[in-house]
Amino acid sequence: MPEDVKMVRVSANRVAIIGLEKVFEELKTQGIQGDDRLKTELIQRVKERNYIPPTVECSYADALLDEYKVFLGMPVKKGKYLEIKILGPGCMQCDKLEREVMSVLAELSLPADLEHVRDISKFKEYGVFGTPALIINGEVKSVGKVPLKSEIKKWVEAADK
């Protein structure tokens, strides 16, 4: 995926947005305040390079605002899905961790946004320099090993509360 494309969860779907980092940088330098004003600006600027169906503009606006707040380092209220990331280039240990997490999610019947990030250049964004790494709702839970399934289950259950 090109560097200027970012995947964003809009409702229950992951969509690719072109040029989002640039939009965030522009808004940050302009110091625009207020959620409603930010949503309007985000939609307007993102639509310059991306198609947003009119029927889902509100959902996009909410998702873009959440992503912008994450970009600024602000807390964001999580939606109904857990956000789980596995960082690793695709080695046996990384793939094992992914299978363990999927198994736990299946056992608990929990919906989650599970992403296996294989691009090594992205690892530093999470402050992680070892693999495999497990991140649940933005919190690093494990680095450099495949934790026990019972540990993963405990972390997932705690994050779902």
C-alpha atoms as a PDB file:
ATOM      1  CA  MET A   1       0.000   0.000   0.000  1.00  0.00           C
ATOM      2  CA  PRO A   2       1.411   3.459  -0.869  1.00  0.00           C
ATOM      3  CA  GLU A   3       2.694   5.508   2.037  1.00  0.00           C
ATOM      4  CA  ASP A   4       0.014   8.193   1.701  1.00  0.00           C
ATOM      5  CA  VAL A   5      -2.852   5.709   2.197  1.00  0.00           C
ATOM      6  CA  LYS A   6      -4.222   5.027   5.672  1.00  0.00           C
ATOM      7  CA  MET A   7      -6.756   2.372   6.621  1.00  0.00           C
ATOM      8  CA  VAL A   8      -9.589   3.735   8.769  1.00  0.00           C
ATOM      9  CA  ARG A   9     -12.483   1.882  10.406  1.00  0.00           C
ATOM     10  CA  VAL A  10     -15.770   3.437   9.307  1.00  0.00           C
ATOM     11  CA  SER A  11     -18.657   1.703  11.062  1.00  0.00           C
ATOM     12  CA  ALA A  12     -17.933  -1.998  10.563  1.00  0.00           C
ATOM     13  CA  ASN A  13     -15.691  -1.555   7.502  1.00  0.00           C
ATOM     14  CA  ARG A  14     -12.048  -0.721   6.977  1.00  0.00           C
ATOM     15  CA  VAL A  15     -11.588   1.817   4.192  1.00  0.00           C
ATOM     16  CA  ALA A  16      -8.495   3.270   2.567  1.00  0.00           C
ATOM     17  CA  ILE A  17      -8.131   7.047   2.719  1.00  0.00           C
ATOM     18  CA  ILE A  18      -5.617   8.805   0.490  1.00  0.00           C
ATOM     19  CA  GLY A  19      -3.688  11.772   1.873  1.00  0.00           C
ATOM     20  CA  LEU A  20      -5.054  11.645   5.420  1.00  0.00           C
ATOM     21  CA  GLU A  21      -1.745  12.398   7.163  1.00  0.00           C
ATOM     22  CA  LYS A  22      -1.373  15.574   5.086  1.00  0.00           C
ATOM     23  CA  VAL A  23      -4.908  16.665   6.017  1.00  0.00           C
ATOM     24  CA  PHE A  24      -4.140  16.045   9.697  1.00  0.00           C
ATOM     25  CA  GLU A  25      -0.923  18.077   9.503  1.00  0.00           C
ATOM     26  CA  GLU A  26      -2.761  20.982   7.837  1.00  0.00           C
ATOM     27  CA  LEU A  27      -5.528  20.994  10.458  1.00  0.00           C
ATOM     28  CA  LYS A  28      -3.009  20.817  13.281  1.00  0.00           C
ATOM     29  CA  THR A  29      -1.072  23.839  12.016  1.00  0.00           C
ATOM     30  CA  GLN A  30      -4.290  25.804  11.523  1.00  0.00           C
ATOM     31  CA  GLY A  31      -5.408  25.063  15.088  1.00  0.00           C
ATOM     32  CA  ILE A  32      -9.035  24.403  14.182  1.00  0.00           C
ATOM     33  CA  GLN A  33     -11.090  23.639  17.314  1.00  0.00           C
ATOM     34  CA  GLY A  34     -14.496  22.102  18.017  1.00  0.00           C
ATOM     35  CA  ASP A  35     -15.651  18.646  16.986  1.00  0.00           C
ATOM     36  CA  ASP A  36     -18.352  19.859  14.585  1.00  0.00           C
ATOM     37  CA  ARG A  37     -16.010  22.255  12.812  1.00  0.00           C
ATOM     38  CA  LEU A  38     -13.297  19.613  12.644  1.00  0.00           C
ATOM     39  CA  LYS A  39     -15.702  17.048  11.178  1.00  0.00           C
ATOM     40  CA  THR A  40     -16.763  19.516   8.496  1.00  0.00           C
ATOM     41  CA  GLU A  41     -13.156  20.356   7.623  1.00  0.00           C
ATOM     42  CA  LEU A  42     -12.071  16.722   7.649  1.00  0.00           C
ATOM     43  CA  ILE A  43     -14.863  15.621   5.312  1.00  0.00           C
ATOM     44  CA  GLN A  44     -14.326  18.558   2.969  1.00  0.00           C
ATOM     45  CA  ARG A  45     -10.569  18.009   2.711  1.00  0.00           C
ATOM     46  CA  VAL A  46     -10.677  14.221   2.508  1.00  0.00           C
ATOM     47  CA  LYS A  47     -13.304  14.408  -0.273  1.00  0.00           C
ATOM     48  CA  GLU A  48     -10.800  16.308  -2.414  1.00  0.00           C
ATOM     49  CA  ARG A  49      -8.887  13.045  -3.008  1.00  0.00           C
ATOM     50  CA  ASN A  50     -11.394  10.352  -1.971  1.00  0.00           C
ATOM     51  CA  TYR A  51     -14.959   9.402  -2.815  1.00  0.00           C
ATOM     52  CA  ILE A  52     -17.239   9.419   0.219  1.00  0.00           C
ATOM     53  CA  PRO A  53     -20.796   8.236  -0.450  1.00  0.00           C
ATOM     54  CA  PRO A  54     -23.226  10.946   0.714  1.00  0.00           C
ATOM     55  CA  THR A  55     -25.285   8.415   2.679  1.00  0.00           C
ATOM     56  CA  VAL A  56     -22.350   7.609   4.986  1.00  0.00           C
ATOM     57  CA  GLU A  57     -20.712  11.019   5.362  1.00  0.00           C
ATOM     58  CA  CYS A  58     -21.668  11.179   9.051  1.00  0.00           C
ATOM     59  CA  SER A  59     -20.028   7.827   9.744  1.00  0.00           C
ATOM     60  CA  TYR A  60     -16.896   8.942   7.895  1.00  0.00           C
ATOM     61  CA  ALA A  61     -16.856  12.225   9.817  1.00  0.00           C
ATOM     62  CA  ASP A  62     -17.008  10.402  13.159  1.00  0.00           C
ATOM     63  CA  ALA A  63     -14.266   7.970  12.133  1.00  0.00           C
ATOM     64  CA  LEU A  64     -12.029  10.734  10.752  1.00  0.00           C
ATOM     65  CA  LEU A  65     -12.445  12.793  13.917  1.00  0.00           C
ATOM     66  CA  ASP A  66     -11.436   9.793  16.040  1.00  0.00           C
ATOM     67  CA  GLU A  67      -8.375   9.208  13.838  1.00  0.00           C
ATOM     68  CA  TYR A  68      -7.447  12.886  14.073  1.00  0.00           C
ATOM     69  CA  LYS A  69      -7.683  12.775  17.863  1.00  0.00           C
ATOM     70  CA  VAL A  70      -5.427   9.712  17.900  1.00  0.00           C
ATOM     71  CA  PHE A  71      -3.022  11.629  15.636  1.00  0.00           C
ATOM     72  CA  LEU A  72      -2.973  14.447  18.219  1.00  0.00           C
ATOM     73  CA  GLY A  73      -2.437  11.958  21.060  1.00  0.00           C
ATOM     74  CA  MET A  74      -5.846  12.598  22.593  1.00  0.00           C
ATOM     75  CA  PRO A  75      -7.941   9.853  24.199  1.00  0.00           C
ATOM     76  CA  VAL A  76     -10.637   8.383  21.993  1.00  0.00           C
ATOM     77  CA  LYS A  77     -13.688   6.481  23.150  1.00  0.00           C
ATOM     78  CA  LYS A  78     -13.534   3.052  21.561  1.00  0.00           C
ATOM     79  CA  GLY A  79     -16.418   1.718  19.545  1.00  0.00           C
ATOM     80  CA  LYS A  80     -18.003  -1.671  19.943  1.00  0.00           C
ATOM     81  CA  TYR A  81     -15.012  -3.455  18.425  1.00  0.00           C
ATOM     82  CA  LEU A  82     -11.736  -4.264  20.067  1.00  0.00           C
ATOM     83  CA  GLU A  83      -8.783  -3.053  18.060  1.00  0.00           C
ATOM     84  CA  ILE A  84      -6.032  -5.661  18.047  1.00  0.00           C
ATOM     85  CA  LYS A  85      -2.782  -5.379  16.162  1.00  0.00           C
ATOM     86  CA  ILE A  86      -0.077  -7.963  15.783  1.00  0.00           C
ATOM     87  CA  LEU A  87       3.260  -6.557  14.724  1.00  0.00           C
ATOM     88  CA  GLY A  88       5.589  -8.899  12.932  1.00  0.00           C
ATOM     89  CA  PRO A  89       7.027  -9.524   9.477  1.00  0.00           C
ATOM     90  CA  GLY A  90       5.179 -12.820   9.085  1.00  0.00           C
ATOM     91  CA  CYS A  91       7.562 -15.201  10.830  1.00  0.00           C
ATOM     92  CA  MET A  92       6.366 -18.419  12.473  1.00  0.00           C
ATOM     93  CA  GLN A  93       6.061 -16.772  15.897  1.00  0.00           C
ATOM     94  CA  CYS A  94       4.092 -13.812  14.540  1.00  0.00           C
ATOM     95  CA  ASP A  95       1.712 -16.098  12.687  1.00  0.00           C
ATOM     96  CA  LYS A  96       1.333 -18.259  15.815  1.00  0.00           C
ATOM     97  CA  LEU A  97       0.400 -15.173  17.849  1.00  0.00           C
ATOM     98  CA  GLU A  98      -2.200 -14.235  15.241  1.00  0.00           C
ATOM     99  CA  ARG A  99      -3.719 -17.736  15.393  1.00  0.00           C
ATOM    100  CA  GLU A 100      -3.799 -17.642  19.211  1.00  0.00           C
ATOM    101  CA  VAL A 101      -5.564 -14.275  19.211  1.00  0.00           C
ATOM    102  CA  MET A 102      -8.112 -15.481  16.638  1.00  0.00           C
ATOM    103  CA  SER A 103      -8.718 -18.572  18.753  1.00  0.00           C
ATOM    104  CA  VAL A 104      -9.353 -16.473  21.875  1.00  0.00           C
ATOM    105  CA  LEU A 105     -11.721 -14.169  19.977  1.00  0.00           C
ATOM    106  CA  ALA A 106     -13.619 -17.186  18.653  1.00  0.00           C
ATOM    107  CA  GLU A 107     -13.857 -18.768  22.123  1.00  0.00           C
ATOM    108  CA  LEU A 108     -15.215 -15.539  23.584  1.00  0.00           C
ATOM    109  CA  SER A 109     -17.417 -14.794  20.538  1.00  0.00           C
ATOM    110  CA  LEU A 110     -16.053 -11.251  20.435  1.00  0.00           C
ATOM    111  CA  PRO A 111     -15.969  -9.047  17.365  1.00  0.00           C
ATOM    112  CA  ALA A 112     -12.627  -7.351  16.834  1.00  0.00           C
ATOM    113  CA  ASP A 113     -10.679  -5.402  14.289  1.00  0.00           C
ATOM    114  CA  LEU A 114      -7.661  -7.690  14.009  1.00  0.00           C
ATOM    115  CA  GLU A 115      -4.784  -6.480  11.861  1.00  0.00           C
ATOM    116  CA  HIS A 116      -1.412  -8.117  11.306  1.00  0.00           C
ATOM    117  CA  VAL A 117       0.992  -5.248  10.585  1.00  0.00           C
ATOM    118  CA  ARG A 118       3.894  -6.673   8.563  1.00  0.00           C
ATOM    119  CA  ASP A 119       5.517  -3.415   7.443  1.00  0.00           C
ATOM    120  CA  ILE A 120       8.601  -3.050   9.655  1.00  0.00           C
ATOM    121  CA  SER A 121       8.695   0.724   9.124  1.00  0.00           C
ATOM    122  CA  LYS A 122       5.306   0.983  10.898  1.00  0.00           C
ATOM    123  CA  PHE A 123       6.490  -0.739  14.097  1.00  0.00           C
ATOM    124  CA  LYS A 124       8.107   2.425  15.461  1.00  0.00           C
ATOM    125  CA  GLU A 125       4.706   4.163  15.404  1.00  0.00           C
ATOM    126  CA  TYR A 126       3.739   1.834  18.237  1.00  0.00           C
ATOM    127  CA  GLY A 127       7.037   2.240  20.120  1.00  0.00           C
ATOM    128  CA  VAL A 128       7.801  -1.424  19.491  1.00  0.00           C
ATOM    129  CA  PHE A 129      11.191  -2.680  18.380  1.00  0.00           C
ATOM    130  CA  GLY A 130      10.783  -6.426  18.929  1.00  0.00           C
ATOM    131  CA  THR A 131       8.483  -8.989  17.371  1.00  0.00           C
ATOM    132  CA  PRO A 132       6.037 -10.486  17.666  1.00  0.00           C
ATOM    133  CA  ALA A 133       4.136  -7.732  19.459  1.00  0.00           C
ATOM    134  CA  LEU A 134       0.524  -7.672  20.592  1.00  0.00           C
ATOM    135  CA  ILE A 135      -1.350  -4.384  20.912  1.00  0.00           C
ATOM    136  CA  ILE A 136      -4.913  -4.243  22.228  1.00  0.00           C
ATOM    137  CA  ASN A 137      -6.838  -0.956  21.962  1.00  0.00           C
ATOM    138  CA  GLY A 138      -3.567   0.939  21.521  1.00  0.00           C
ATOM    139  CA  GLU A 139      -1.870  -0.610  24.570  1.00  0.00           C
ATOM    140  CA  VAL A 140       1.221  -2.760  24.068  1.00  0.00           C
ATOM    141  CA  LYS A 141       0.607  -6.030  25.894  1.00  0.00           C
ATOM    142  CA  SER A 142       3.494  -8.214  24.773  1.00  0.00           C
ATOM    143  CA  VAL A 143       6.762  -7.844  22.847  1.00  0.00           C
ATOM    144  CA  GLY A 144       9.263 -10.468  21.734  1.00  0.00           C
ATOM    145  CA  LYS A 145       7.286 -13.583  22.589  1.00  0.00           C
ATOM    146  CA  VAL A 146       4.018 -15.405  22.086  1.00  0.00           C
ATOM    147  CA  PRO A 147       2.213 -15.067  25.421  1.00  0.00           C
ATOM    148  CA  LEU A 148       0.214 -17.901  26.886  1.00  0.00           C
ATOM    149  CA  LYS A 149      -3.319 -18.211  25.550  1.00  0.00           C
ATOM    150  CA  SER A 150      -4.642 -17.638  29.079  1.00  0.00           C
ATOM    151  CA  GLU A 151      -2.786 -14.290  29.212  1.00  0.00           C
ATOM    152  CA  ILE A 152      -4.190 -13.231  25.845  1.00  0.00           C
ATOM    153  CA  LYS A 153      -7.680 -14.200  27.000  1.00  0.00           C
ATOM    154  CA  LYS A 154      -7.293 -12.162  30.216  1.00  0.00           C
ATOM    155  CA  TRP A 155      -6.135  -9.082  28.252  1.00  0.00           C
ATOM    156  CA  VAL A 156      -8.932  -9.373  25.689  1.00  0.00           C
ATOM    157  CA  GLU A 157     -11.600  -9.794  28.377  1.00  0.00           C
ATOM    158  CA  ALA A 158     -10.282  -6.774  30.287  1.00  0.00           C
ATOM    159  CA  ALA A 159     -10.212  -4.646  27.128  1.00  0.00           C
ATOM    160  CA  ASP A 160     -13.795  -5.605  26.267  1.00  0.00           C
ATOM    161  CA  LYS A 161     -15.199  -4.134  29.498  1.00  0.00           C
END
